[in-house]
Amino acid sequence: MNRFLDGHPYLSRASDISRTGMRVHPISMAGSTSRFIGLQFQLPGSSDVLTASGEVVSSASEDGTVGIRFTRMPAISRECIGRYLAGS
């Protein structure tokens, strides 16, 4: 996945996805401590590229991992996450 900080993409890995948010683990570190970020990601087994905006709600990890609460998301992204979670 990519997390967008100050308009620049940074490679990351996502985990613990839910209808309301996800945990983001940075692969490439960024110098920004922005509270709001853009997200671009694919769910396992899907080629669809989903987008969302989110707010950092937790950042207790030294490796830069943050908890993100979705703040805006297109309906198609919401539907894909719902289908993914129903199949998990």
PDB file of N, CA and C in Angstrom:
ATOM      1  N   MET A   1       0.828  -1.171   0.000  1.00  0.00           N
ATOM      2  CA  MET A   1       0.000   0.000   0.000  1.00  0.00           C
ATOM      3  C   MET A   1       0.876   1.238   0.000  1.00  0.00           C
ATOM      4  N   ASN A   2       0.272   2.357  -0.336  1.00  0.00           N
ATOM      5  CA  ASN A   2       0.937   3.654  -0.240  1.00  0.00           C
ATOM      6  C   ASN A   2       0.185   4.507   0.772  1.00  0.00           C
ATOM      7  N   ARG A   3       0.939   5.201   1.596  1.00  0.00           N
ATOM      8  CA  ARG A   3       0.345   6.238   2.435  1.00  0.00           C
ATOM      9  C   ARG A   3       0.886   7.546   1.898  1.00  0.00           C
ATOM     10  N   PHE A   4       0.023   8.512   1.746  1.00  0.00           N
ATOM     11  CA  PHE A   4       0.404   9.793   1.178  1.00  0.00           C
ATOM     12  C   PHE A   4       0.519  10.824   2.286  1.00  0.00           C
ATOM     13  N   LEU A   5       1.722  11.384   2.415  1.00  0.00           N
ATOM     14  CA  LEU A   5       2.000  12.424   3.402  1.00  0.00           C
ATOM     15  C   LEU A   5       2.473  13.660   2.660  1.00  0.00           C
ATOM     16  N   ASP A   6       1.809  14.754   2.887  1.00  0.00           N
ATOM     17  CA  ASP A   6       2.167  16.010   2.211  1.00  0.00           C
ATOM     18  C   ASP A   6       2.239  15.834   0.705  1.00  0.00           C
ATOM     19  N   GLY A   7       1.353  15.002   0.153  1.00  0.00           N
ATOM     20  CA  GLY A   7       1.276  14.789  -1.290  1.00  0.00           C
ATOM     21  C   GLY A   7       2.273  13.803  -1.863  1.00  0.00           C
ATOM     22  N   HIS A   8       3.097  13.172  -1.025  1.00  0.00           N
ATOM     23  CA  HIS A   8       4.110  12.228  -1.498  1.00  0.00           C
ATOM     24  C   HIS A   8       3.777  10.812  -1.029  1.00  0.00           C
ATOM     25  N   PRO A   9       3.917   9.791  -1.928  1.00  0.00           N
ATOM     26  CA  PRO A   9       3.618   8.414  -1.537  1.00  0.00           C
ATOM     27  C   PRO A   9       4.802   7.765  -0.805  1.00  0.00           C
ATOM     28  N   TYR A  10       4.472   6.970   0.212  1.00  0.00           N
ATOM     29  CA  TYR A  10       5.474   6.212   0.967  1.00  0.00           C
ATOM     30  C   TYR A  10       4.975   4.777   1.085  1.00  0.00           C
ATOM     31  N   LEU A  11       5.824   3.842   0.663  1.00  0.00           N
ATOM     32  CA  LEU A  11       5.474   2.432   0.682  1.00  0.00           C
ATOM     33  C   LEU A  11       5.248   1.957   2.111  1.00  0.00           C
ATOM     34  N   SER A  12       4.163   1.214   2.315  1.00  0.00           N
ATOM     35  CA  SER A  12       3.792   0.725   3.642  1.00  0.00           C
ATOM     36  C   SER A  12       3.118  -0.631   3.519  1.00  0.00           C
ATOM     37  N   ARG A  13       2.847  -1.242   4.646  1.00  0.00           N
ATOM     38  CA  ARG A  13       2.105  -2.499   4.717  1.00  0.00           C
ATOM     39  C   ARG A  13       0.934  -2.276   5.664  1.00  0.00           C
ATOM     40  N   ALA A  14      -0.213  -2.841   5.329  1.00  0.00           N
ATOM     41  CA  ALA A  14      -1.405  -2.682   6.161  1.00  0.00           C
ATOM     42  C   ALA A  14      -1.718  -3.981   6.895  1.00  0.00           C
ATOM     43  N   SER A  15      -2.331  -3.844   8.068  1.00  0.00           N
ATOM     44  CA  SER A  15      -2.832  -5.012   8.809  1.00  0.00           C
ATOM     45  C   SER A  15      -4.056  -4.578   9.591  1.00  0.00           C
ATOM     46  N   ASP A  16      -4.729  -5.535  10.161  1.00  0.00           N
ATOM     47  CA  ASP A  16      -5.876  -5.272  11.042  1.00  0.00           C
ATOM     48  C   ASP A  16      -6.909  -4.354  10.397  1.00  0.00           C
ATOM     49  N   ILE A  17      -7.254  -4.629   9.136  1.00  0.00           N
ATOM     50  CA  ILE A  17      -8.229  -3.770   8.467  1.00  0.00           C
ATOM     51  C   ILE A  17      -9.628  -4.058   8.987  1.00  0.00           C
ATOM     52  N   SER A  18     -10.405  -2.999   9.139  1.00  0.00           N
ATOM     53  CA  SER A  18     -11.802  -3.113   9.541  1.00  0.00           C
ATOM     54  C   SER A  18     -12.604  -2.122   8.710  1.00  0.00           C
ATOM     55  N   ARG A  19     -13.887  -2.047   8.960  1.00  0.00           N
ATOM     56  CA  ARG A  19     -14.728  -1.089   8.237  1.00  0.00           C
ATOM     57  C   ARG A  19     -14.394   0.351   8.618  1.00  0.00           C
ATOM     58  N   THR A  20     -13.759   0.541   9.761  1.00  0.00           N
ATOM     59  CA  THR A  20     -13.510   1.899  10.249  1.00  0.00           C
ATOM     60  C   THR A  20     -12.042   2.326  10.209  1.00  0.00           C
ATOM     61  N   GLY A  21     -11.117   1.394   9.930  1.00  0.00           N
ATOM     62  CA  GLY A  21      -9.717   1.786   9.904  1.00  0.00           C
ATOM     63  C   GLY A  21      -8.774   0.630   9.681  1.00  0.00           C
ATOM     64  N   MET A  22      -7.490   0.882   9.891  1.00  0.00           N
ATOM     65  CA  MET A  22      -6.455  -0.145   9.707  1.00  0.00           C
ATOM     66  C   MET A  22      -5.191   0.280  10.448  1.00  0.00           C
ATOM     67  N   ARG A  23      -4.285  -0.658  10.588  1.00  0.00           N
ATOM     68  CA  ARG A  23      -2.959  -0.381  11.123  1.00  0.00           C
ATOM     69  C   ARG A  23      -2.015  -0.284   9.930  1.00  0.00           C
ATOM     70  N   VAL A  24      -1.147   0.733   9.933  1.00  0.00           N
ATOM     71  CA  VAL A  24      -0.220   0.973   8.825  1.00  0.00           C
ATOM     72  C   VAL A  24       1.206   0.858   9.344  1.00  0.00           C
ATOM     73  N   HIS A  25       1.978  -0.017   8.701  1.00  0.00           N
ATOM     74  CA  HIS A  25       3.377  -0.277   9.057  1.00  0.00           C
ATOM     75  C   HIS A  25       4.253   0.294   7.948  1.00  0.00           C
ATOM     76  N   PRO A  26       5.025   1.340   8.207  1.00  0.00           N
ATOM     77  CA  PRO A  26       5.849   1.931   7.150  1.00  0.00           C
ATOM     78  C   PRO A  26       6.985   1.009   6.720  1.00  0.00           C
ATOM     79  N   ILE A  27       7.215   0.964   5.424  1.00  0.00           N
ATOM     80  CA  ILE A  27       8.377   0.261   4.875  1.00  0.00           C
ATOM     81  C   ILE A  27       9.440   1.307   4.561  1.00  0.00           C
ATOM     82  N   SER A  28       9.007   2.410   3.979  1.00  0.00           N
ATOM     83  CA  SER A  28       9.924   3.538   3.780  1.00  0.00           C
ATOM     84  C   SER A  28       9.491   4.628   4.747  1.00  0.00           C
ATOM     85  N   MET A  29      10.424   5.106   5.515  1.00  0.00           N
ATOM     86  CA  MET A  29      10.125   6.101   6.541  1.00  0.00           C
ATOM     87  C   MET A  29       9.958   7.473   5.906  1.00  0.00           C
ATOM     88  N   ALA A  30       9.078   8.256   6.494  1.00  0.00           N
ATOM     89  CA  ALA A  30       8.843   9.619   6.018  1.00  0.00           C
ATOM     90  C   ALA A  30       9.132  10.592   7.136  1.00  0.00           C
ATOM     91  N   GLY A  31       9.529  11.791   6.783  1.00  0.00           N
ATOM     92  CA  GLY A  31       9.851  12.780   7.784  1.00  0.00           C
ATOM     93  C   GLY A  31       8.649  13.526   8.346  1.00  0.00           C
ATOM     94  N   SER A  32       7.473  13.310   7.778  1.00  0.00           N
ATOM     95  CA  SER A  32       6.290  14.055   8.198  1.00  0.00           C
ATOM     96  C   SER A  32       5.589  13.385   9.376  1.00  0.00           C
ATOM     97  N   THR A  33       5.034  14.202  10.235  1.00  0.00           N
ATOM     98  CA  THR A  33       4.233  13.688  11.346  1.00  0.00           C
ATOM     99  C   THR A  33       2.787  14.138  11.175  1.00  0.00           C
ATOM    100  N   SER A  34       2.332  14.218   9.950  1.00  0.00           N
ATOM    101  CA  SER A  34       0.984  14.672   9.632  1.00  0.00           C
ATOM    102  C   SER A  34      -0.067  13.807  10.322  1.00  0.00           C
ATOM    103  N   ARG A  35      -1.103  14.442  10.813  1.00  0.00           N
ATOM    104  CA  ARG A  35      -2.193  13.729  11.477  1.00  0.00           C
ATOM    105  C   ARG A  35      -3.154  13.118  10.464  1.00  0.00           C
ATOM    106  N   PHE A  36      -3.263  13.705   9.281  1.00  0.00           N
ATOM    107  CA  PHE A  36      -4.166  13.212   8.240  1.00  0.00           C
ATOM    108  C   PHE A  36      -3.352  12.690   7.068  1.00  0.00           C
ATOM    109  N   ILE A  37      -3.755  11.523   6.549  1.00  0.00           N
ATOM    110  CA  ILE A  37      -3.017  10.913   5.445  1.00  0.00           C
ATOM    111  C   ILE A  37      -3.978  10.359   4.407  1.00  0.00           C
ATOM    112  N   GLY A  38      -3.460  10.217   3.202  1.00  0.00           N
ATOM    113  CA  GLY A  38      -4.183   9.543   2.131  1.00  0.00           C
ATOM    114  C   GLY A  38      -3.706   8.109   2.053  1.00  0.00           C
ATOM    115  N   LEU A  39      -4.585   7.214   1.640  1.00  0.00           N
ATOM    116  CA  LEU A  39      -4.256   5.788   1.558  1.00  0.00           C
ATOM    117  C   LEU A  39      -4.641   5.256   0.183  1.00  0.00           C
ATOM    118  N   GLN A  40      -3.806   4.394  -0.347  1.00  0.00           N
ATOM    119  CA  GLN A  40      -4.058   3.709  -1.607  1.00  0.00           C
ATOM    120  C   GLN A  40      -3.606   2.270  -1.379  1.00  0.00           C
ATOM    121  N   PHE A  41      -4.524   1.300  -1.537  1.00  0.00           N
ATOM    122  CA  PHE A  41      -4.173  -0.068  -1.170  1.00  0.00           C
ATOM    123  C   PHE A  41      -4.983  -1.094  -1.940  1.00  0.00           C
ATOM    124  N   GLN A  42      -4.515  -2.335  -1.897  1.00  0.00           N
ATOM    125  CA  GLN A  42      -5.221  -3.476  -2.466  1.00  0.00           C
ATOM    126  C   GLN A  42      -5.459  -4.487  -1.355  1.00  0.00           C
ATOM    127  N   LEU A  43      -6.608  -5.128  -1.397  1.00  0.00           N
ATOM    128  CA  LEU A  43      -6.912  -6.188  -0.438  1.00  0.00           C
ATOM    129  C   LEU A  43      -6.351  -7.498  -0.962  1.00  0.00           C
ATOM    130  N   PRO A  44      -6.008  -8.433  -0.082  1.00  0.00           N
ATOM    131  CA  PRO A  44      -5.492  -9.734  -0.529  1.00  0.00           C
ATOM    132  C   PRO A  44      -6.459 -10.411  -1.509  1.00  0.00           C
ATOM    133  N   GLY A  45      -5.911 -10.901  -2.604  1.00  0.00           N
ATOM    134  CA  GLY A  45      -6.707 -11.612  -3.598  1.00  0.00           C
ATOM    135  C   GLY A  45      -7.484 -10.711  -4.548  1.00  0.00           C
ATOM    136  N   SER A  46      -7.254  -9.413  -4.498  1.00  0.00           N
ATOM    137  CA  SER A  46      -7.984  -8.483  -5.359  1.00  0.00           C
ATOM    138  C   SER A  46      -6.998  -7.615  -6.132  1.00  0.00           C
ATOM    139  N   SER A  47      -7.369  -7.271  -7.359  1.00  0.00           N
ATOM    140  CA  SER A  47      -6.533  -6.356  -8.146  1.00  0.00           C
ATOM    141  C   SER A  47      -7.071  -4.929  -8.092  1.00  0.00           C
ATOM    142  N   ASP A  48      -8.222  -4.724  -7.418  1.00  0.00           N
ATOM    143  CA  ASP A  48      -8.791  -3.387  -7.296  1.00  0.00           C
ATOM    144  C   ASP A  48      -7.917  -2.512  -6.405  1.00  0.00           C
ATOM    145  N   VAL A  49      -7.653  -1.290  -6.860  1.00  0.00           N
ATOM    146  CA  VAL A  49      -6.909  -0.328  -6.056  1.00  0.00           C
ATOM    147  C   VAL A  49      -7.930   0.555  -5.331  1.00  0.00           C
ATOM    148  N   LEU A  50      -7.912   0.496  -4.012  1.00  0.00           N
ATOM    149  CA  LEU A  50      -8.857   1.244  -3.184  1.00  0.00           C
ATOM    150  C   LEU A  50      -8.184   2.492  -2.636  1.00  0.00           C
ATOM    151  N   THR A  51      -8.994   3.499  -2.371  1.00  0.00           N
ATOM    152  CA  THR A  51      -8.472   4.734  -1.798  1.00  0.00           C
ATOM    153  C   THR A  51      -9.310   5.123  -0.584  1.00  0.00           C
ATOM    154  N   ALA A  52      -8.678   5.871   0.297  1.00  0.00           N
ATOM    155  CA  ALA A  52      -9.355   6.401   1.482  1.00  0.00           C
ATOM    156  C   ALA A  52      -8.503   7.515   2.059  1.00  0.00           C
ATOM    157  N   SER A  53      -9.108   8.297   2.901  1.00  0.00           N
ATOM    158  CA  SER A  53      -8.386   9.279   3.704  1.00  0.00           C
ATOM    159  C   SER A  53      -8.536   8.858   5.146  1.00  0.00           C
ATOM    160  N   GLY A  54      -7.536   9.172   5.955  1.00  0.00           N
ATOM    161  CA  GLY A  54      -7.616   8.757   7.341  1.00  0.00           C
ATOM    162  C   GLY A  54      -6.911   9.702   8.288  1.00  0.00           C
ATOM    163  N   GLU A  55      -7.198   9.490   9.568  1.00  0.00           N
ATOM    164  CA  GLU A  55      -6.594  10.265  10.644  1.00  0.00           C
ATOM    165  C   GLU A  55      -5.818   9.323  11.550  1.00  0.00           C
ATOM    166  N   VAL A  56      -4.605   9.705  11.896  1.00  0.00           N
ATOM    167  CA  VAL A  56      -3.801   8.910  12.826  1.00  0.00           C
ATOM    168  C   VAL A  56      -4.442   9.013  14.205  1.00  0.00           C
ATOM    169  N   VAL A  57      -4.793   7.853  14.775  1.00  0.00           N
ATOM    170  CA  VAL A  57      -5.425   7.838  16.098  1.00  0.00           C
ATOM    171  C   VAL A  57      -4.557   7.150  17.147  1.00  0.00           C
ATOM    172  N   SER A  58      -3.532   6.433  16.710  1.00  0.00           N
ATOM    173  CA  SER A  58      -2.579   5.845  17.659  1.00  0.00           C
ATOM    174  C   SER A  58      -1.229   5.701  16.984  1.00  0.00           C
ATOM    175  N   SER A  59      -0.169   5.927  17.751  1.00  0.00           N
ATOM    176  CA  SER A  59       1.187   5.817  17.202  1.00  0.00           C
ATOM    177  C   SER A  59       2.152   5.432  18.314  1.00  0.00           C
ATOM    178  N   ALA A  60       1.878   4.319  18.973  1.00  0.00           N
ATOM    179  CA  ALA A  60       2.665   3.906  20.131  1.00  0.00           C
ATOM    180  C   ALA A  60       3.916   3.116  19.772  1.00  0.00           C
ATOM    181  N   SER A  61       4.108   2.805  18.511  1.00  0.00           N
ATOM    182  CA  SER A  61       5.207   1.939  18.103  1.00  0.00           C
ATOM    183  C   SER A  61       6.438   2.731  17.669  1.00  0.00           C
ATOM    184  N   GLU A  62       7.621   2.268  18.073  1.00  0.00           N
ATOM    185  CA  GLU A  62       8.870   2.927  17.673  1.00  0.00           C
ATOM    186  C   GLU A  62       9.205   2.722  16.198  1.00  0.00           C
ATOM    187  N   ASP A  63       8.623   1.683  15.577  1.00  0.00           N
ATOM    188  CA  ASP A  63       8.921   1.430  14.168  1.00  0.00           C
ATOM    189  C   ASP A  63       8.074   2.283  13.233  1.00  0.00           C
ATOM    190  N   GLY A  64       7.266   3.191  13.773  1.00  0.00           N
ATOM    191  CA  GLY A  64       6.467   4.089  12.954  1.00  0.00           C
ATOM    192  C   GLY A  64       5.066   3.598  12.654  1.00  0.00           C
ATOM    193  N   THR A  65       4.705   2.396  13.141  1.00  0.00           N
ATOM    194  CA  THR A  65       3.367   1.864  12.918  1.00  0.00           C
ATOM    195  C   THR A  65       2.328   2.781  13.553  1.00  0.00           C
ATOM    196  N   VAL A  66       1.248   3.035  12.797  1.00  0.00           N
ATOM    197  CA  VAL A  66       0.185   3.901  13.293  1.00  0.00           C
ATOM    198  C   VAL A  66      -1.179   3.259  13.080  1.00  0.00           C
ATOM    199  N   GLY A  67      -2.107   3.603  13.933  1.00  0.00           N
ATOM    200  CA  GLY A  67      -3.499   3.217  13.755  1.00  0.00           C
ATOM    201  C   GLY A  67      -4.212   4.346  13.031  1.00  0.00           C
ATOM    202  N   ILE A  68      -4.955   3.995  11.987  1.00  0.00           N
ATOM    203  CA  ILE A  68      -5.642   4.973  11.160  1.00  0.00           C
ATOM    204  C   ILE A  68      -7.148   4.762  11.253  1.00  0.00           C
ATOM    205  N   ARG A  69      -7.880   5.839  11.472  1.00  0.00           N
ATOM    206  CA  ARG A  69      -9.340   5.809  11.402  1.00  0.00           C
ATOM    207  C   ARG A  69      -9.725   6.443  10.079  1.00  0.00           C
ATOM    208  N   PHE A  70     -10.507   5.705   9.257  1.00  0.00           N
ATOM    209  CA  PHE A  70     -10.940   6.253   7.977  1.00  0.00           C
ATOM    210  C   PHE A  70     -11.818   7.477   8.213  1.00  0.00           C
ATOM    211  N   THR A  71     -11.559   8.546   7.465  1.00  0.00           N
ATOM    212  CA  THR A  71     -12.374   9.752   7.555  1.00  0.00           C
ATOM    213  C   THR A  71     -13.194   9.978   6.291  1.00  0.00           C
ATOM    214  N   ARG A  72     -12.671   9.536   5.141  1.00  0.00           N
ATOM    215  CA  ARG A  72     -13.394   9.625   3.866  1.00  0.00           C
ATOM    216  C   ARG A  72     -13.026   8.420   3.042  1.00  0.00           C
ATOM    217  N   MET A  73     -14.047   7.878   2.359  1.00  0.00           N
ATOM    218  CA  MET A  73     -13.795   6.703   1.547  1.00  0.00           C
ATOM    219  C   MET A  73     -14.881   6.609   0.470  1.00  0.00           C
ATOM    220  N   PRO A  74     -14.483   6.396  -0.790  1.00  0.00           N
ATOM    221  CA  PRO A  74     -15.483   6.197  -1.841  1.00  0.00           C
ATOM    222  C   PRO A  74     -16.343   4.956  -1.539  1.00  0.00           C
ATOM    223  N   ALA A  75     -17.570   4.979  -2.003  1.00  0.00           N
ATOM    224  CA  ALA A  75     -18.497   3.863  -1.761  1.00  0.00           C
ATOM    225  C   ALA A  75     -17.919   2.544  -2.256  1.00  0.00           C
ATOM    226  N   ILE A  76     -17.240   2.550  -3.397  1.00  0.00           N
ATOM    227  CA  ILE A  76     -16.688   1.293  -3.939  1.00  0.00           C
ATOM    228  C   ILE A  76     -15.637   0.708  -3.008  1.00  0.00           C
ATOM    229  N   SER A  77     -14.816   1.561  -2.398  1.00  0.00           N
ATOM    230  CA  SER A  77     -13.809   1.080  -1.449  1.00  0.00           C
ATOM    231  C   SER A  77     -14.499   0.475  -0.228  1.00  0.00           C
ATOM    232  N   ARG A  78     -15.534   1.138   0.267  1.00  0.00           N
ATOM    233  CA  ARG A  78     -16.286   0.640   1.421  1.00  0.00           C
ATOM    234  C   ARG A  78     -16.922  -0.721   1.115  1.00  0.00           C
ATOM    235  N   GLU A  79     -17.478  -0.856  -0.093  1.00  0.00           N
ATOM    236  CA  GLU A  79     -18.108  -2.118  -0.503  1.00  0.00           C
ATOM    237  C   GLU A  79     -17.076  -3.239  -0.595  1.00  0.00           C
ATOM    238  N   CYS A  80     -15.917  -2.961  -1.169  1.00  0.00           N
ATOM    239  CA  CYS A  80     -14.864  -3.978  -1.303  1.00  0.00           C
ATOM    240  C   CYS A  80     -14.374  -4.439   0.072  1.00  0.00           C
ATOM    241  N   ILE A  81     -14.195  -3.517   0.998  1.00  0.00           N
ATOM    242  CA  ILE A  81     -13.768  -3.885   2.352  1.00  0.00           C
ATOM    243  C   ILE A  81     -14.834  -4.741   3.017  1.00  0.00           C
ATOM    244  N   GLY A  82     -16.107  -4.367   2.840  1.00  0.00           N
ATOM    245  CA  GLY A  82     -17.194  -5.162   3.417  1.00  0.00           C
ATOM    246  C   GLY A  82     -17.218  -6.576   2.875  1.00  0.00           C
ATOM    247  N   ARG A  83     -17.043  -6.734   1.557  1.00  0.00           N
ATOM    248  CA  ARG A  83     -16.995  -8.079   0.964  1.00  0.00           C
ATOM    249  C   ARG A  83     -15.798  -8.867   1.476  1.00  0.00           C
ATOM    250  N   TYR A  84     -14.649  -8.214   1.569  1.00  0.00           N
ATOM    251  CA  TYR A  84     -13.434  -8.873   2.070  1.00  0.00           C
ATOM    252  C   TYR A  84     -13.641  -9.351   3.503  1.00  0.00           C
ATOM    253  N   LEU A  85     -14.192  -8.511   4.348  1.00  0.00           N
ATOM    254  CA  LEU A  85     -14.388  -8.889   5.747  1.00  0.00           C
ATOM    255  C   LEU A  85     -15.440  -9.980   5.892  1.00  0.00           C
ATOM    256  N   ALA A  86     -16.453  -9.973   5.060  1.00  0.00           N
ATOM    257  CA  ALA A  86     -17.495 -11.017   5.110  1.00  0.00           C
ATOM    258  C   ALA A  86     -16.927 -12.374   4.709  1.00  0.00           C
ATOM    259  N   GLY A  87     -15.912 -12.359   3.826  1.00  0.00           N
ATOM    260  CA  GLY A  87     -15.299 -13.605   3.379  1.00  0.00           C
ATOM    261  C   GLY A  87     -14.181 -14.099   4.252  1.00  0.00           C
ATOM    262  N   SER A  88     -13.737 -13.278   5.216  1.00  0.00           N
ATOM    263  CA  SER A  88     -12.609 -13.648   6.081  1.00  0.00           C
ATOM    264  C   SER A  88     -13.053 -14.553   7.197  1.00  0.00           C
TER     265      SER A  88
END
